[in-house]
Amino acid sequence: MRPVVLLLPDPPLDPSGSEARGKLRRELLRPEYHDQNLLQRFLDWMIRKVSSGIDQASQAPPLSTFMAMLVFVALVLGLAWLASRARRTARDRDPKPAVLTDEVISADELRARAEAALEAGRFEEAVVDGFRALAVRQVERGRLADTPGATAHEVADTLATEYAAMGDRVRASALLFDGVLYGDRPASREQAQTVLTLDDDLVVRR
């Protein structure tokens, strides 16, 4: 009697090579992977290696295919870990755009710095110091709480309530402050002058 040989079916490559590459590419399109150029270059290299390995595994014997699948799972788990680290890094790096700081300085001193920067053509500095002068002046007048670490958004919300007629101007200046200080946006002389004019107009309003 001839021995019966049981042939086990080849383990399926699930997902298929093209599906696996597609899933990996979609994962790498998530924005957190673009936080650091070094990380992006590493992940680009990794996806090339995984794609090459999947192509080879699709033509390999069952055992090799199974090992390739294990490697693929390990790489996916590694990507998930990198993604979680990238998200935490982005949260930790996210700046708190503070207007009111621990610096002991009066509104008039900040205003003088802003005007000097404006005259010297340093319009970004004029915007930043001008808006801080505006905020500190409102603290001195009792219209704004002295809260170090208060953001431009928080300052604008409070002042827009106090000065409803100028709420849009206050919010626009707060956005400009954030864009210049934390978004590296350039500022013009007219924009810097607008912030200083708002400071004057808020003083006039009762």
Protein backbone atom coordinates (compact mmCIF):
# COMPACT_ATOMS: atom_id res chain seq x y z
CA MET A 1 0.00 0.00 0.00
CA ARG A 2 1.38 3.36 -0.94
CA PRO A 3 1.55 5.87 1.94
CA VAL A 4 -0.98 8.64 1.83
CA VAL A 5 0.61 12.02 1.64
CA LEU A 6 -1.50 14.92 2.82
CA LEU A 7 -0.70 18.10 0.99
CA LEU A 8 -1.45 21.17 3.04
CA PRO A 9 -2.73 24.11 1.02
CA ASP A 10 -0.44 27.07 0.72
CA PRO A 11 -1.26 29.67 3.37
CA PRO A 12 -3.02 32.55 1.71
CA LEU A 13 -1.21 35.83 1.53
CA ASP A 14 -3.85 37.92 3.18
CA PRO A 15 -3.80 40.77 2.44
CA SER A 16 -2.53 40.37 -1.12
CA GLY A 17 0.64 42.14 -2.20
CA SER A 18 -1.15 45.05 -3.84
CA GLU A 19 -3.65 45.40 -0.97
CA ALA A 20 -0.86 45.38 1.63
CA ARG A 21 1.08 48.05 -0.25
CA GLY A 22 -2.08 50.15 -0.57
CA LYS A 23 -2.83 49.90 3.15
CA LEU A 24 0.73 50.77 4.05
CA ARG A 25 0.75 53.79 1.72
CA ARG A 26 -2.58 55.02 3.14
CA GLU A 27 -1.18 54.68 6.65
CA LEU A 28 1.89 56.69 5.70
CA LEU A 29 -0.26 59.46 4.25
CA ARG A 30 -1.49 60.30 7.76
CA PRO A 31 -0.27 63.84 8.69
CA GLU A 32 1.62 62.79 11.81
CA TYR A 33 4.19 61.04 9.63
CA HIS A 34 5.11 64.40 8.09
CA ASP A 35 6.09 66.02 11.37
CA GLN A 36 9.78 65.25 10.91
CA ASN A 37 11.74 64.90 7.68
CA LEU A 38 13.97 62.23 9.19
CA LEU A 39 10.98 60.11 10.13
CA GLN A 40 9.52 60.54 6.64
CA ARG A 41 12.72 59.40 4.96
CA PHE A 42 12.86 56.35 7.21
CA LEU A 43 9.28 55.43 6.44
CA ASP A 44 9.82 55.90 2.69
CA TRP A 45 12.71 53.47 2.92
CA MET A 46 10.63 51.05 4.94
CA ILE A 47 7.72 50.98 2.48
CA ARG A 48 10.12 50.25 -0.37
CA LYS A 49 11.56 47.34 1.57
CA VAL A 50 8.12 46.01 2.51
CA SER A 51 6.86 46.29 -1.07
CA SER A 52 9.89 44.41 -2.34
CA GLY A 53 9.47 41.75 0.32
CA ILE A 54 5.78 41.26 -0.46
CA ASP A 55 6.52 40.84 -4.15
CA GLN A 56 9.12 38.19 -3.38
CA ALA A 57 6.87 36.47 -0.83
CA SER A 58 4.07 36.08 -3.35
CA GLN A 59 6.37 33.82 -5.41
CA ALA A 60 8.02 32.03 -2.49
CA PRO A 61 7.27 28.62 -0.89
CA PRO A 62 4.58 28.48 1.84
CA LEU A 63 7.01 28.67 4.76
CA SER A 64 8.76 31.70 3.30
CA THR A 65 5.41 33.33 2.66
CA PHE A 66 4.39 32.73 6.27
CA MET A 67 7.64 34.28 7.53
CA ALA A 68 7.14 37.26 5.24
CA MET A 69 3.67 37.76 6.71
CA LEU A 70 5.15 37.74 10.23
CA VAL A 71 7.69 40.35 9.17
CA PHE A 72 4.93 42.44 7.64
CA VAL A 73 2.88 42.30 10.87
CA ALA A 74 5.94 43.33 12.87
CA LEU A 75 6.51 46.28 10.56
CA VAL A 76 2.88 47.37 10.85
CA LEU A 77 3.16 47.24 14.64
CA GLY A 78 6.34 49.30 14.39
CA LEU A 79 4.56 51.87 12.25
CA ALA A 80 1.73 52.07 14.77
CA TRP A 81 4.27 52.70 17.52
CA LEU A 82 5.97 55.40 15.46
CA ALA A 83 2.61 57.01 14.76
CA SER A 84 1.77 57.17 18.46
CA ARG A 85 5.18 58.70 19.18
CA ALA A 86 4.68 61.24 16.40
CA ARG A 87 1.28 62.24 17.81
CA ARG A 88 2.71 62.66 21.31
CA THR A 89 5.64 64.65 19.96
CA ALA A 90 3.30 66.93 18.01
CA ARG A 91 1.19 67.51 21.13
CA ASP A 92 4.25 68.21 23.27
CA ARG A 93 5.67 70.51 20.63
CA ASP A 94 2.41 72.39 20.09
CA PRO A 95 3.13 75.90 21.38
CA LYS A 96 0.84 77.80 23.69
CA PRO A 97 0.73 81.22 22.02
CA ALA A 98 0.90 83.25 25.21
CA VAL A 99 0.30 86.98 25.13
CA LEU A 100 0.51 87.66 28.86
CA THR A 101 3.83 86.37 30.14
CA ASP A 102 5.73 86.44 33.44
CA GLU A 103 7.80 89.36 32.17
CA VAL A 104 7.39 92.35 34.46
CA ILE A 105 6.82 95.21 32.02
CA SER A 106 4.25 97.94 31.63
CA ALA A 107 1.99 98.56 28.68
CA ASP A 108 3.78 101.84 27.96
CA GLU A 109 7.16 100.09 27.82
CA LEU A 110 5.81 97.46 25.43
CA ARG A 111 4.21 100.18 23.32
CA ALA A 112 7.51 102.06 23.16
CA ARG A 113 9.25 98.89 21.99
CA ALA A 114 6.60 98.35 19.35
CA GLU A 115 6.89 101.91 18.06
CA ALA A 116 10.70 101.67 17.93
CA ALA A 117 10.43 98.41 15.98
CA LEU A 118 7.94 100.00 13.60
CA GLU A 119 10.24 102.92 12.93
CA ALA A 120 13.17 100.55 12.35
CA GLY A 121 11.17 98.51 9.84
CA ARG A 122 10.91 95.44 12.10
CA PHE A 123 7.21 95.05 11.51
CA GLU A 124 6.88 91.55 12.97
CA GLU A 125 8.33 92.76 16.30
CA ALA A 126 6.00 95.76 16.16
CA VAL A 127 2.97 93.46 15.78
CA VAL A 128 4.01 91.20 18.66
CA ASP A 129 4.94 93.94 21.12
CA GLY A 130 2.00 96.05 19.99
CA PHE A 131 -0.54 93.32 20.73
CA ARG A 132 1.12 92.54 24.03
CA ALA A 133 1.02 96.22 24.92
CA LEU A 134 -2.69 96.21 24.09
CA ALA A 135 -3.30 93.20 26.35
CA VAL A 136 -1.22 94.48 29.27
CA ARG A 137 -2.92 97.88 29.04
CA GLN A 138 -6.30 96.21 29.40
CA VAL A 139 -4.99 94.34 32.45
CA GLU A 140 -3.89 97.66 33.91
CA ARG A 141 -7.36 99.08 33.25
CA GLY A 142 -9.06 96.12 34.93
CA ARG A 143 -10.74 94.90 31.73
CA LEU A 144 -8.63 91.76 31.46
CA ALA A 145 -7.47 89.30 34.11
CA ASP A 146 -3.73 89.16 34.72
CA THR A 147 -3.25 85.53 33.69
CA PRO A 148 0.30 84.66 32.58
CA GLY A 149 0.06 82.16 29.77
CA ALA A 150 -3.21 83.58 28.40
CA THR A 151 -3.36 83.00 24.66
CA ALA A 152 -4.20 85.54 21.98
CA HIS A 153 -7.47 83.70 21.40
CA GLU A 154 -8.41 83.97 25.09
CA VAL A 155 -7.46 87.64 25.22
CA ALA A 156 -9.47 88.36 22.07
CA ASP A 157 -12.56 86.56 23.38
CA THR A 158 -12.52 88.57 26.61
CA LEU A 159 -11.90 91.92 24.94
CA ALA A 160 -14.50 91.22 22.24
CA THR A 161 -17.03 90.86 25.06
CA GLU A 162 -15.82 94.03 26.77
CA TYR A 163 -15.72 96.00 23.51
CA ALA A 164 -18.39 94.40 21.34
CA ALA A 165 -18.22 97.11 18.67
CA MET A 166 -14.54 96.35 18.07
CA GLY A 167 -14.69 92.59 18.50
CA ASP A 168 -13.81 91.86 14.88
CA ARG A 169 -10.77 94.11 15.01
CA VAL A 170 -9.56 92.53 18.24
CA ARG A 171 -9.91 89.01 16.84
CA ALA A 172 -8.17 90.00 13.61
CA SER A 173 -5.23 91.41 15.58
CA ALA A 174 -5.06 88.25 17.69
CA LEU A 175 -4.90 86.11 14.54
CA LEU A 176 -2.18 88.36 13.17
CA PHE A 177 -0.22 88.03 16.43
CA ASP A 178 -0.40 84.23 16.28
CA GLY A 179 0.47 84.12 12.59
CA VAL A 180 3.52 86.34 13.00
CA LEU A 181 4.88 84.86 16.23
CA TYR A 182 4.09 81.18 15.75
CA GLY A 183 3.44 80.84 12.02
CA ASP A 184 6.50 82.78 10.83
CA ARG A 185 4.28 85.00 8.71
CA PRO A 186 5.71 88.33 7.58
CA ALA A 187 3.97 91.52 8.63
CA SER A 188 3.63 94.83 6.86
CA ARG A 189 3.89 98.36 8.19
CA GLU A 190 0.14 98.76 7.74
CA GLN A 191 -0.60 95.63 9.79
CA ALA A 192 1.68 96.74 12.61
CA GLN A 193 0.11 100.19 12.59
CA THR A 194 -3.36 98.61 12.73
CA VAL A 195 -2.48 96.87 16.00
CA LEU A 196 -1.14 100.08 17.51
CA THR A 197 -4.21 102.00 16.39
CA LEU A 198 -6.44 99.37 18.01
CA ASP A 199 -4.53 99.84 21.26
CA ASP A 200 -5.27 103.58 21.10
CA ASP A 201 -8.92 103.06 20.24
CA LEU A 202 -9.49 100.62 23.10
CA VAL A 203 -8.08 103.22 25.52
CA VAL A 204 -10.58 105.78 24.25
CA ARG A 205 -13.52 103.38 24.69
CA ARG A 206 -15.01 103.22 28.14
